[in-house]
C-alpha atoms as a PDB file:
ATOM      1  CA  UNK A   1      23.311 -20.207  33.815  1.00  0.00           C
ATOM      2  CA  UNK A   2      22.762 -16.639  32.794  1.00  0.00           C
ATOM      3  CA  UNK A   3      19.866 -15.625  30.686  1.00  0.00           C
ATOM      4  CA  UNK A   4      20.927 -14.382  27.259  1.00  0.00           C
ATOM      5  CA  UNK A   5      19.415 -11.140  26.086  1.00  0.00           C
ATOM      6  CA  UNK A   6      17.883 -11.032  22.657  1.00  0.00           C
ATOM      7  CA  UNK A   7      17.637  -7.883  20.619  1.00  0.00           C
ATOM      8  CA  UNK A   8      14.352  -7.252  18.924  1.00  0.00           C
ATOM      9  CA  UNK A   9      14.582  -5.331  15.680  1.00  0.00           C
ATOM     10  CA  UNK A  10      12.314  -2.343  15.383  1.00  0.00           C
ATOM     11  CA  UNK A  11       9.753  -2.672  12.622  1.00  0.00           C
ATOM     12  CA  UNK A  12       9.326   0.281  10.322  1.00  0.00           C
ATOM     13  CA  UNK A  13       5.994   1.002   8.692  1.00  0.00           C
ATOM     14  CA  UNK A  14       6.113   2.251   5.121  1.00  0.00           C
ATOM     15  CA  UNK A  15       3.716   4.732   3.518  1.00  0.00           C
ATOM     16  CA  UNK A  16       1.334   3.144   1.035  1.00  0.00           C
ATOM     17  CA  UNK A  17      -0.597   4.944  -1.696  1.00  0.00           C
ATOM     18  CA  UNK A  18      -3.959   3.487  -2.680  1.00  0.00           C
ATOM     19  CA  UNK A  19      -5.691   3.525  -6.043  1.00  0.00           C
ATOM     20  CA  UNK A  20      -9.275   2.448  -6.557  1.00  0.00           C
ATOM     21  CA  UNK A  21     -12.500   3.385  -8.278  1.00  0.00           C
ATOM     22  CA  UNK A  22     -14.262   4.370  -5.076  1.00  0.00           C
ATOM     23  CA  UNK A  23     -15.417   7.680  -3.605  1.00  0.00           C
ATOM     24  CA  UNK A  24     -13.025   8.996  -0.909  1.00  0.00           C
ATOM     25  CA  UNK A  25     -15.296   7.932   1.965  1.00  0.00           C
ATOM     26  CA  UNK A  26     -15.657   4.406   0.584  1.00  0.00           C
ATOM     27  CA  UNK A  27     -11.944   4.249  -0.270  1.00  0.00           C
ATOM     28  CA  UNK A  28     -10.995   4.881   3.359  1.00  0.00           C
ATOM     29  CA  UNK A  29     -13.386   2.148   4.509  1.00  0.00           C
ATOM     30  CA  UNK A  30     -12.000  -0.229   1.875  1.00  0.00           C
ATOM     31  CA  UNK A  31      -8.418   0.443   2.990  1.00  0.00           C
ATOM     32  CA  UNK A  32      -9.387  -0.352   6.572  1.00  0.00           C
ATOM     33  CA  UNK A  33     -11.104  -3.572   5.478  1.00  0.00           C
ATOM     34  CA  UNK A  34      -8.081  -4.724   3.471  1.00  0.00           C
ATOM     35  CA  UNK A  35      -5.742  -3.850   6.357  1.00  0.00           C
ATOM     36  CA  UNK A  36      -7.992  -5.752   8.774  1.00  0.00           C
ATOM     37  CA  UNK A  37      -7.987  -8.883   6.600  1.00  0.00           C
ATOM     38  CA  UNK A  38      -4.297  -8.830   5.726  1.00  0.00           C
ATOM     39  CA  UNK A  39      -2.164  -8.517   8.842  1.00  0.00           C
ATOM     40  CA  UNK A  40       1.064  -8.067   6.876  1.00  0.00           C
ATOM     41  CA  UNK A  41      -0.327  -4.850   5.371  1.00  0.00           C
ATOM     42  CA  UNK A  42      -1.515  -3.595   8.746  1.00  0.00           C
ATOM     43  CA  UNK A  43       1.831  -4.389  10.311  1.00  0.00           C
ATOM     44  CA  UNK A  44       4.209  -2.915   7.749  1.00  0.00           C
ATOM     45  CA  UNK A  45       2.258  -0.196   5.924  1.00  0.00           C
ATOM     46  CA  UNK A  46       0.059   2.799   6.538  1.00  0.00           C
ATOM     47  CA  UNK A  47      -2.117   4.659   4.086  1.00  0.00           C
ATOM     48  CA  UNK A  48      -0.534   7.970   3.116  1.00  0.00           C
ATOM     49  CA  UNK A  49      -1.220  10.860   0.747  1.00  0.00           C
ATOM     50  CA  UNK A  50       0.680  11.189  -2.512  1.00  0.00           C
ATOM     51  CA  UNK A  51       2.743  14.080  -1.119  1.00  0.00           C
ATOM     52  CA  UNK A  52       4.282  11.718   1.435  1.00  0.00           C
ATOM     53  CA  UNK A  53       4.791   8.894  -1.065  1.00  0.00           C
ATOM     54  CA  UNK A  54       6.763  11.172  -3.404  1.00  0.00           C
ATOM     55  CA  UNK A  55       9.548  11.511  -0.827  1.00  0.00           C
ATOM     56  CA  UNK A  56      10.111   7.752  -0.589  1.00  0.00           C
ATOM     57  CA  UNK A  57      12.833   5.967  -2.567  1.00  0.00           C
ATOM     58  CA  UNK A  58      10.422   3.080  -3.302  1.00  0.00           C
ATOM     59  CA  UNK A  59       6.732   3.789  -3.834  1.00  0.00           C
ATOM     60  CA  UNK A  60       4.275   1.170  -2.538  1.00  0.00           C
ATOM     61  CA  UNK A  61       0.892   1.202  -4.304  1.00  0.00           C
ATOM     62  CA  UNK A  62      -2.135  -0.824  -3.163  1.00  0.00           C
ATOM     63  CA  UNK A  63      -4.822  -1.556  -5.767  1.00  0.00           C
ATOM     64  CA  UNK A  64      -8.182  -1.532  -3.999  1.00  0.00           C
ATOM     65  CA  UNK A  65     -10.248  -2.269  -7.114  1.00  0.00           C
ATOM     66  CA  UNK A  66      -9.869  -3.103 -10.757  1.00  0.00           C
ATOM     67  CA  UNK A  67     -10.119  -0.696 -13.642  1.00  0.00           C
ATOM     68  CA  UNK A  68      -7.644   1.796 -12.233  1.00  0.00           C
ATOM     69  CA  UNK A  69      -4.567   0.988 -14.268  1.00  0.00           C
ATOM     70  CA  UNK A  70      -4.718   4.512 -15.670  1.00  0.00           C
ATOM     71  CA  UNK A  71      -4.199   5.925 -12.155  1.00  0.00           C
ATOM     72  CA  UNK A  72      -0.890   4.093 -11.842  1.00  0.00           C
ATOM     73  CA  UNK A  73       0.177   5.150 -15.334  1.00  0.00           C
ATOM     74  CA  UNK A  74      -0.585   8.779 -14.456  1.00  0.00           C
ATOM     75  CA  UNK A  75       1.254   8.408 -11.158  1.00  0.00           C
ATOM     76  CA  UNK A  76       4.289   7.007 -12.993  1.00  0.00           C
ATOM     77  CA  UNK A  77       4.388  10.035 -15.289  1.00  0.00           C
ATOM     78  CA  UNK A  78       4.134  12.448 -12.351  1.00  0.00           C
ATOM     79  CA  UNK A  79       6.742  10.894 -10.043  1.00  0.00           C
ATOM     80  CA  UNK A  80       9.662   8.562 -10.590  1.00  0.00           C
ATOM     81  CA  UNK A  81       9.715   4.972  -9.363  1.00  0.00           C
ATOM     82  CA  UNK A  82      10.481   2.290  -8.606  1.00  0.00           C
ATOM     83  CA  UNK A  83       6.999   1.136  -7.669  1.00  0.00           C
ATOM     84  CA  UNK A  84       5.960  -1.958  -5.754  1.00  0.00           C
ATOM     85  CA  UNK A  85       2.425  -2.936  -6.734  1.00  0.00           C
ATOM     86  CA  UNK A  86       0.310  -4.693  -4.124  1.00  0.00           C
ATOM     87  CA  UNK A  87      -2.958  -6.495  -4.848  1.00  0.00           C
ATOM     88  CA  UNK A  88      -5.451  -8.373  -2.694  1.00  0.00           C
ATOM     89  CA  UNK A  89      -7.859 -11.172  -3.660  1.00  0.00           C
ATOM     90  CA  UNK A  90     -10.992  -9.072  -4.081  1.00  0.00           C
ATOM     91  CA  UNK A  91     -12.581  -6.501  -6.389  1.00  0.00           C
ATOM     92  CA  UNK A  92     -10.342  -7.263  -9.407  1.00  0.00           C
ATOM     93  CA  UNK A  93      -7.348  -5.820  -7.613  1.00  0.00           C
ATOM     94  CA  UNK A  94      -4.897  -8.356  -9.049  1.00  0.00           C
ATOM     95  CA  UNK A  95      -5.774  -7.871 -12.735  1.00  0.00           C
ATOM     96  CA  UNK A  96      -5.430  -4.110 -12.331  1.00  0.00           C
ATOM     97  CA  UNK A  97      -2.016  -4.469 -10.722  1.00  0.00           C
ATOM     98  CA  UNK A  98      -0.797  -6.811 -13.437  1.00  0.00           C
END
């Protein structure tokens, strides 16, 4: 019997914009921590600057901390959506995203 060949679909990583009430240095460390803990984020997303996010048809936004709802509201006035909001279990990320 011959061995059947299986095609493996290429996985595309999407740019992800992060919002959080952290200094830039701490924000980068926080992004890495969240990516380390949540394999799905690490596998399908990469942190990108706003300039790169603007080009995308769907904008993915990761809430690193709470209290940053205003950042998303400002973002939504500057660029058009749709937006996909992503939260993680820590630092009041979920309430901010809701």
